[in-house]
Structures are given as structure tokens and as C-alpha cells.
Amino acid sequence: MKPRTDALINGALMAIGALGVVDNVVVHWILRLHRAVPGEHALAVEWLLVLASLLLFVVGFVRERHARRRPL
């Protein structure tokens, strides 16, 4: 891919991942405004969402590190 496309994808992955973590931790757990899903499985689903968000962030970060090390 082109460097600009790589940077866009990597930035989007990191931004979506960070937003997912912040949303789940702040809105769902600290402020308790709402749950991701109703019912007894809400906490498990929210943990899975946090883990998926962290995974997106890490994938974007690792891709960006590799892209910056690659010569143009």
C-alpha cells in the first residue's frame, strides 16, 4: 500500500481501539450510564469489547511501527 494509505488505516485502527476502551471504561463502568447489552451477560460482553478494542489499537500501533521502519 501507499504510505499515506497505511498511515490512514493505522491511525483509524488506533483511534477506534482507543475510543472503544474509553467508552467502555468511562461510560459503562465508571459513569454507569448504560450497558452494552442488557442482562446477565453484560459484563462479559463489555470485557470482550474492551479486549477487541485493545486488539485493534495494538494492531494499528504495530503496523505503524513497521511502516515507519520500512524505507520509502
PDB file of N, CA and C in Angstrom:
ATOM      1  N   MET A   1       0.835  -1.191   0.000  1.00  0.00           N
ATOM      2  CA  MET A   1       0.000   0.000   0.000  1.00  0.00           C
ATOM      3  C   MET A   1       0.874   1.246   0.000  1.00  0.00           C
ATOM      4  N   LYS A   2       0.259   2.333  -0.317  1.00  0.00           N
ATOM      5  CA  LYS A   2       0.955   3.604  -0.294  1.00  0.00           C
ATOM      6  C   LYS A   2       1.136   4.059   1.157  1.00  0.00           C
ATOM      7  N   PRO A   3       2.201   4.806   1.442  1.00  0.00           N
ATOM      8  CA  PRO A   3       2.439   5.263   2.820  1.00  0.00           C
ATOM      9  C   PRO A   3       1.278   6.065   3.404  1.00  0.00           C
ATOM     10  N   ARG A   4       0.638   6.900   2.586  1.00  0.00           N
ATOM     11  CA  ARG A   4      -0.490   7.685   3.110  1.00  0.00           C
ATOM     12  C   ARG A   4      -1.658   6.788   3.471  1.00  0.00           C
ATOM     13  N   THR A   5      -1.900   5.750   2.675  1.00  0.00           N
ATOM     14  CA  THR A   5      -2.982   4.820   2.964  1.00  0.00           C
ATOM     15  C   THR A   5      -2.671   4.027   4.225  1.00  0.00           C
ATOM     16  N   ASP A   6      -1.423   3.585   4.361  1.00  0.00           N
ATOM     17  CA  ASP A   6      -1.021   2.878   5.576  1.00  0.00           C
ATOM     18  C   ASP A   6      -1.248   3.738   6.808  1.00  0.00           C
ATOM     19  N   ALA A   7      -0.824   4.983   6.759  1.00  0.00           N
ATOM     20  CA  ALA A   7      -0.966   5.877   7.901  1.00  0.00           C
ATOM     21  C   ALA A   7      -2.440   6.095   8.245  1.00  0.00           C
ATOM     22  N   LEU A   8      -3.280   6.213   7.233  1.00  0.00           N
ATOM     23  CA  LEU A   8      -4.711   6.406   7.463  1.00  0.00           C
ATOM     24  C   LEU A   8      -5.329   5.179   8.134  1.00  0.00           C
ATOM     25  N   ILE A   9      -5.011   4.011   7.628  1.00  0.00           N
ATOM     26  CA  ILE A   9      -5.561   2.778   8.194  1.00  0.00           C
ATOM     27  C   ILE A   9      -5.048   2.569   9.612  1.00  0.00           C
ATOM     28  N   ASN A  10      -3.752   2.770   9.825  1.00  0.00           N
ATOM     29  CA  ASN A  10      -3.179   2.583  11.151  1.00  0.00           C
ATOM     30  C   ASN A  10      -3.758   3.571  12.155  1.00  0.00           C
ATOM     31  N   GLY A  11      -3.897   4.809  11.744  1.00  0.00           N
ATOM     32  CA  GLY A  11      -4.492   5.813  12.626  1.00  0.00           C
ATOM     33  C   GLY A  11      -5.938   5.507  12.947  1.00  0.00           C
ATOM     34  N   ALA A  12      -6.673   5.029  11.949  1.00  0.00           N
ATOM     35  CA  ALA A  12      -8.078   4.679  12.186  1.00  0.00           C
ATOM     36  C   ALA A  12      -8.190   3.501  13.149  1.00  0.00           C
ATOM     37  N   LEU A  13      -7.339   2.497  12.975  1.00  0.00           N
ATOM     38  CA  LEU A  13      -7.360   1.352  13.891  1.00  0.00           C
ATOM     39  C   LEU A  13      -7.052   1.784  15.324  1.00  0.00           C
ATOM     40  N   MET A  14      -6.048   2.630  15.487  1.00  0.00           N
ATOM     41  CA  MET A  14      -5.699   3.085  16.832  1.00  0.00           C
ATOM     42  C   MET A  14      -6.794   3.967  17.430  1.00  0.00           C
ATOM     43  N   ALA A  15      -7.393   4.827  16.625  1.00  0.00           N
ATOM     44  CA  ALA A  15      -8.444   5.710  17.130  1.00  0.00           C
ATOM     45  C   ALA A  15      -9.689   4.921  17.532  1.00  0.00           C
ATOM     46  N   ILE A  16     -10.106   3.971  16.705  1.00  0.00           N
ATOM     47  CA  ILE A  16     -11.277   3.159  17.032  1.00  0.00           C
ATOM     48  C   ILE A  16     -11.014   2.324  18.277  1.00  0.00           C
ATOM     49  N   GLY A  17      -9.814   1.769  18.376  1.00  0.00           N
ATOM     50  CA  GLY A  17      -9.467   0.984  19.554  1.00  0.00           C
ATOM     51  C   GLY A  17      -9.471   1.821  20.821  1.00  0.00           C
ATOM     52  N   ALA A  18      -8.858   2.992  20.769  1.00  0.00           N
ATOM     53  CA  ALA A  18      -8.822   3.870  21.941  1.00  0.00           C
ATOM     54  C   ALA A  18     -10.223   4.329  22.326  1.00  0.00           C
ATOM     55  N   LEU A  19     -11.029   4.670  21.344  1.00  0.00           N
ATOM     56  CA  LEU A  19     -12.396   5.092  21.627  1.00  0.00           C
ATOM     57  C   LEU A  19     -13.202   3.970  22.274  1.00  0.00           C
ATOM     58  N   GLY A  20     -13.023   2.743  21.797  1.00  0.00           N
ATOM     59  CA  GLY A  20     -13.739   1.615  22.374  1.00  0.00           C
ATOM     60  C   GLY A  20     -13.372   1.383  23.826  1.00  0.00           C
ATOM     61  N   VAL A  21     -12.085   1.491  24.140  1.00  0.00           N
ATOM     62  CA  VAL A  21     -11.650   1.306  25.527  1.00  0.00           C
ATOM     63  C   VAL A  21     -12.197   2.409  26.411  1.00  0.00           C
ATOM     64  N   VAL A  22     -12.040   3.652  25.985  1.00  0.00           N
ATOM     65  CA  VAL A  22     -12.512   4.784  26.789  1.00  0.00           C
ATOM     66  C   VAL A  22     -14.030   4.722  26.973  1.00  0.00           C
ATOM     67  N   ASP A  23     -14.754   4.405  25.914  1.00  0.00           N
ATOM     68  CA  ASP A  23     -16.213   4.324  26.016  1.00  0.00           C
ATOM     69  C   ASP A  23     -16.632   3.265  27.022  1.00  0.00           C
ATOM     70  N   ASN A  24     -16.062   2.084  26.917  1.00  0.00           N
ATOM     71  CA  ASN A  24     -16.458   1.021  27.833  1.00  0.00           C
ATOM     72  C   ASN A  24     -16.075   1.330  29.270  1.00  0.00           C
ATOM     73  N   VAL A  25     -14.872   1.791  29.487  1.00  0.00           N
ATOM     74  CA  VAL A  25     -14.423   2.033  30.857  1.00  0.00           C
ATOM     75  C   VAL A  25     -15.148   3.223  31.472  1.00  0.00           C
ATOM     76  N   VAL A  26     -15.179   4.340  30.768  1.00  0.00           N
ATOM     77  CA  VAL A  26     -15.762   5.561  31.353  1.00  0.00           C
ATOM     78  C   VAL A  26     -17.285   5.512  31.369  1.00  0.00           C
ATOM     79  N   VAL A  27     -17.885   5.277  30.216  1.00  0.00           N
ATOM     80  CA  VAL A  27     -19.346   5.366  30.119  1.00  0.00           C
ATOM     81  C   VAL A  27     -20.036   4.175  30.777  1.00  0.00           C
ATOM     82  N   HIS A  28     -19.520   2.976  30.540  1.00  0.00           N
ATOM     83  CA  HIS A  28     -20.222   1.790  31.034  1.00  0.00           C
ATOM     84  C   HIS A  28     -19.866   1.448  32.475  1.00  0.00           C
ATOM     85  N   TRP A  29     -18.596   1.579  32.849  1.00  0.00           N
ATOM     86  CA  TRP A  29     -18.191   1.125  34.170  1.00  0.00           C
ATOM     87  C   TRP A  29     -18.125   2.246  35.199  1.00  0.00           C
ATOM     88  N   ILE A  30     -17.517   3.375  34.862  1.00  0.00           N
ATOM     89  CA  ILE A  30     -17.359   4.443  35.846  1.00  0.00           C
ATOM     90  C   ILE A  30     -18.652   5.236  36.009  1.00  0.00           C
ATOM     91  N   LEU A  31     -19.203   5.737  34.900  1.00  0.00           N
ATOM     92  CA  LEU A  31     -20.420   6.548  34.981  1.00  0.00           C
ATOM     93  C   LEU A  31     -21.701   5.708  35.038  1.00  0.00           C
ATOM     94  N   ARG A  32     -21.632   4.472  34.600  1.00  0.00           N
ATOM     95  CA  ARG A  32     -22.773   3.544  34.589  1.00  0.00           C
ATOM     96  C   ARG A  32     -24.009   4.138  33.903  1.00  0.00           C
ATOM     97  N   LEU A  33     -23.774   4.786  32.755  1.00  0.00           N
ATOM     98  CA  LEU A  33     -24.883   5.401  32.024  1.00  0.00           C
ATOM     99  C   LEU A  33     -25.745   4.367  31.325  1.00  0.00           C
ATOM    100  N   HIS A  34     -25.123   3.340  30.773  1.00  0.00           N
ATOM    101  CA  HIS A  34     -25.888   2.274  30.123  1.00  0.00           C
ATOM    102  C   HIS A  34     -24.986   1.062  30.010  1.00  0.00           C
ATOM    103  N   ARG A  35     -25.549  -0.062  29.620  1.00  0.00           N
ATOM    104  CA  ARG A  35     -24.789  -1.285  29.408  1.00  0.00           C
ATOM    105  C   ARG A  35     -24.722  -1.561  27.910  1.00  0.00           C
ATOM    106  N   ALA A  36     -23.697  -2.307  27.483  1.00  0.00           N
ATOM    107  CA  ALA A  36     -23.575  -2.657  26.069  1.00  0.00           C
ATOM    108  C   ALA A  36     -24.734  -3.535  25.629  1.00  0.00           C
ATOM    109  N   VAL A  37     -25.066  -4.493  26.471  1.00  0.00           N
ATOM    110  CA  VAL A  37     -26.223  -5.363  26.232  1.00  0.00           C
ATOM    111  C   VAL A  37     -26.935  -5.552  27.569  1.00  0.00           C
ATOM    112  N   PRO A  38     -28.242  -5.688  27.560  1.00  0.00           N
ATOM    113  CA  PRO A  38     -28.941  -5.920  28.822  1.00  0.00           C
ATOM    114  C   PRO A  38     -28.798  -7.380  29.261  1.00  0.00           C
ATOM    115  N   GLY A  39     -28.970  -7.618  30.526  1.00  0.00           N
ATOM    116  CA  GLY A  39     -28.996  -8.986  31.015  1.00  0.00           C
ATOM    117  C   GLY A  39     -27.768  -9.381  31.797  1.00  0.00           C
ATOM    118  N   GLU A  40     -27.718 -10.665  32.089  1.00  0.00           N
ATOM    119  CA  GLU A  40     -26.673 -11.189  32.961  1.00  0.00           C
ATOM    120  C   GLU A  40     -25.309 -11.299  32.286  1.00  0.00           C
ATOM    121  N   HIS A  41     -25.262 -11.245  30.971  1.00  0.00           N
ATOM    122  CA  HIS A  41     -24.003 -11.387  30.243  1.00  0.00           C
ATOM    123  C   HIS A  41     -23.375 -10.042  29.890  1.00  0.00           C
ATOM    124  N   ALA A  42     -23.902  -8.961  30.436  1.00  0.00           N
ATOM    125  CA  ALA A  42     -23.424  -7.628  30.066  1.00  0.00           C
ATOM    126  C   ALA A  42     -21.950  -7.430  30.395  1.00  0.00           C
ATOM    127  N   LEU A  43     -21.523  -7.853  31.562  1.00  0.00           N
ATOM    128  CA  LEU A  43     -20.126  -7.642  31.944  1.00  0.00           C
ATOM    129  C   LEU A  43     -19.177  -8.443  31.057  1.00  0.00           C
ATOM    130  N   ALA A  44     -19.541  -9.658  30.727  1.00  0.00           N
ATOM    131  CA  ALA A  44     -18.703 -10.475  29.841  1.00  0.00           C
ATOM    132  C   ALA A  44     -18.603  -9.858  28.455  1.00  0.00           C
ATOM    133  N   VAL A  45     -19.712  -9.357  27.942  1.00  0.00           N
ATOM    134  CA  VAL A  45     -19.702  -8.723  26.621  1.00  0.00           C
ATOM    135  C   VAL A  45     -18.847  -7.463  26.648  1.00  0.00           C
ATOM    136  N   GLU A  46     -18.952  -6.690  27.724  1.00  0.00           N
ATOM    137  CA  GLU A  46     -18.165  -5.464  27.813  1.00  0.00           C
ATOM    138  C   GLU A  46     -16.670  -5.770  27.918  1.00  0.00           C
ATOM    139  N   TRP A  47     -16.300  -6.836  28.632  1.00  0.00           N
ATOM    140  CA  TRP A  47     -14.898  -7.227  28.679  1.00  0.00           C
ATOM    141  C   TRP A  47     -14.411  -7.646  27.302  1.00  0.00           C
ATOM    142  N   LEU A  48     -15.242  -8.364  26.566  1.00  0.00           N
ATOM    143  CA  LEU A  48     -14.862  -8.752  25.205  1.00  0.00           C
ATOM    144  C   LEU A  48     -14.699  -7.531  24.306  1.00  0.00           C
ATOM    145  N   LEU A  49     -15.560  -6.536  24.481  1.00  0.00           N
ATOM    146  CA  LEU A  49     -15.433  -5.305  23.700  1.00  0.00           C
ATOM    147  C   LEU A  49     -14.146  -4.554  24.037  1.00  0.00           C
ATOM    148  N   VAL A  50     -13.793  -4.523  25.322  1.00  0.00           N
ATOM    149  CA  VAL A  50     -12.545  -3.873  25.725  1.00  0.00           C
ATOM    150  C   VAL A  50     -11.355  -4.614  25.126  1.00  0.00           C
ATOM    151  N   LEU A  51     -11.366  -5.946  25.191  1.00  0.00           N
ATOM    152  CA  LEU A  51     -10.267  -6.723  24.623  1.00  0.00           C
ATOM    153  C   LEU A  51     -10.181  -6.550  23.108  1.00  0.00           C
ATOM    154  N   ALA A  52     -11.319  -6.527  22.430  1.00  0.00           N
ATOM    155  CA  ALA A  52     -11.322  -6.315  20.981  1.00  0.00           C
ATOM    156  C   ALA A  52     -10.799  -4.915  20.646  1.00  0.00           C
ATOM    157  N   SER A  53     -11.174  -3.928  21.440  1.00  0.00           N
ATOM    158  CA  SER A  53     -10.696  -2.563  21.215  1.00  0.00           C
ATOM    159  C   SER A  53      -9.194  -2.467  21.439  1.00  0.00           C
ATOM    160  N   LEU A  54      -8.708  -3.122  22.493  1.00  0.00           N
ATOM    161  CA  LEU A  54      -7.269  -3.142  22.732  1.00  0.00           C
ATOM    162  C   LEU A  54      -6.533  -3.825  21.586  1.00  0.00           C
ATOM    163  N   LEU A  55      -7.107  -4.883  21.068  1.00  0.00           N
ATOM    164  CA  LEU A  55      -6.501  -5.586  19.940  1.00  0.00           C
ATOM    165  C   LEU A  55      -6.417  -4.677  18.714  1.00  0.00           C
ATOM    166  N   LEU A  56      -7.481  -3.943  18.427  1.00  0.00           N
ATOM    167  CA  LEU A  56      -7.457  -3.005  17.303  1.00  0.00           C
ATOM    168  C   LEU A  56      -6.365  -1.953  17.489  1.00  0.00           C
ATOM    169  N   PHE A  57      -6.259  -1.424  18.691  1.00  0.00           N
ATOM    170  CA  PHE A  57      -5.243  -0.414  18.960  1.00  0.00           C
ATOM    171  C   PHE A  57      -3.846  -0.985  18.763  1.00  0.00           C
ATOM    172  N   VAL A  58      -3.600  -2.163  19.306  1.00  0.00           N
ATOM    173  CA  VAL A  58      -2.272  -2.780  19.199  1.00  0.00           C
ATOM    174  C   VAL A  58      -1.934  -3.101  17.741  1.00  0.00           C
ATOM    175  N   VAL A  59      -2.891  -3.610  16.990  1.00  0.00           N
ATOM    176  CA  VAL A  59      -2.652  -3.910  15.579  1.00  0.00           C
ATOM    177  C   VAL A  59      -2.283  -2.636  14.820  1.00  0.00           C
ATOM    178  N   GLY A  60      -3.019  -1.566  15.047  1.00  0.00           N
ATOM    179  CA  GLY A  60      -2.700  -0.295  14.393  1.00  0.00           C
ATOM    180  C   GLY A  60      -1.338   0.232  14.800  1.00  0.00           C
ATOM    181  N   PHE A  61      -1.008   0.110  16.072  1.00  0.00           N
ATOM    182  CA  PHE A  61       0.279   0.589  16.575  1.00  0.00           C
ATOM    183  C   PHE A  61       1.437  -0.206  15.971  1.00  0.00           C
ATOM    184  N   VAL A  62       1.313  -1.522  15.967  1.00  0.00           N
ATOM    185  CA  VAL A  62       2.374  -2.371  15.412  1.00  0.00           C
ATOM    186  C   VAL A  62       2.539  -2.116  13.919  1.00  0.00           C
ATOM    187  N   ARG A  63       1.427  -1.997  13.201  1.00  0.00           N
ATOM    188  CA  ARG A  63       1.503  -1.700  11.766  1.00  0.00           C
ATOM    189  C   ARG A  63       2.206  -0.371  11.514  1.00  0.00           C
ATOM    190  N   GLU A  64       1.913   0.622  12.347  1.00  0.00           N
ATOM    191  CA  GLU A  64       2.530   1.932  12.174  1.00  0.00           C
ATOM    192  C   GLU A  64       4.031   1.872  12.472  1.00  0.00           C
ATOM    193  N   ARG A  65       4.417   1.142  13.500  1.00  0.00           N
ATOM    194  CA  ARG A  65       5.851   0.988  13.799  1.00  0.00           C
ATOM    195  C   ARG A  65       6.583   0.326  12.644  1.00  0.00           C
ATOM    196  N   HIS A  66       5.990  -0.714  12.077  1.00  0.00           N
ATOM    197  CA  HIS A  66       6.620  -1.385  10.940  1.00  0.00           C
ATOM    198  C   HIS A  66       6.667  -0.468   9.721  1.00  0.00           C
ATOM    199  N   ALA A  67       5.626   0.305   9.512  1.00  0.00           N
ATOM    200  CA  ALA A  67       5.600   1.208   8.359  1.00  0.00           C
ATOM    201  C   ALA A  67       6.650   2.307   8.493  1.00  0.00           C
ATOM    202  N   ARG A  68       6.893   2.776   9.704  1.00  0.00           N
ATOM    203  CA  ARG A  68       7.890   3.839   9.896  1.00  0.00           C
ATOM    204  C   ARG A  68       9.306   3.305   9.766  1.00  0.00           C
ATOM    205  N   ARG A  69       9.515   2.033  10.052  1.00  0.00           N
ATOM    206  CA  ARG A  69      10.842   1.444   9.925  1.00  0.00           C
ATOM    207  C   ARG A  69      11.178   1.065   8.493  1.00  0.00           C
ATOM    208  N   ARG A  70      10.151   0.885   7.673  1.00  0.00           N
ATOM    209  CA  ARG A  70      10.339   0.473   6.281  1.00  0.00           C
ATOM    210  C   ARG A  70      10.863   1.654   5.462  1.00  0.00           C
ATOM    211  N   PRO A  71      11.894   1.445   4.664  1.00  0.00           N
ATOM    212  CA  PRO A  71      12.387   2.555   3.833  1.00  0.00           C
ATOM    213  C   PRO A  71      11.380   2.875   2.713  1.00  0.00           C
ATOM    214  N   LEU A  72      11.346   4.138   2.348  1.00  0.00           N
ATOM    215  CA  LEU A  72      10.407   4.574   1.306  1.00  0.00           C
ATOM    216  C   LEU A  72      10.908   4.237  -0.076  1.00  0.00           C
TER     217      LEU A  72
END
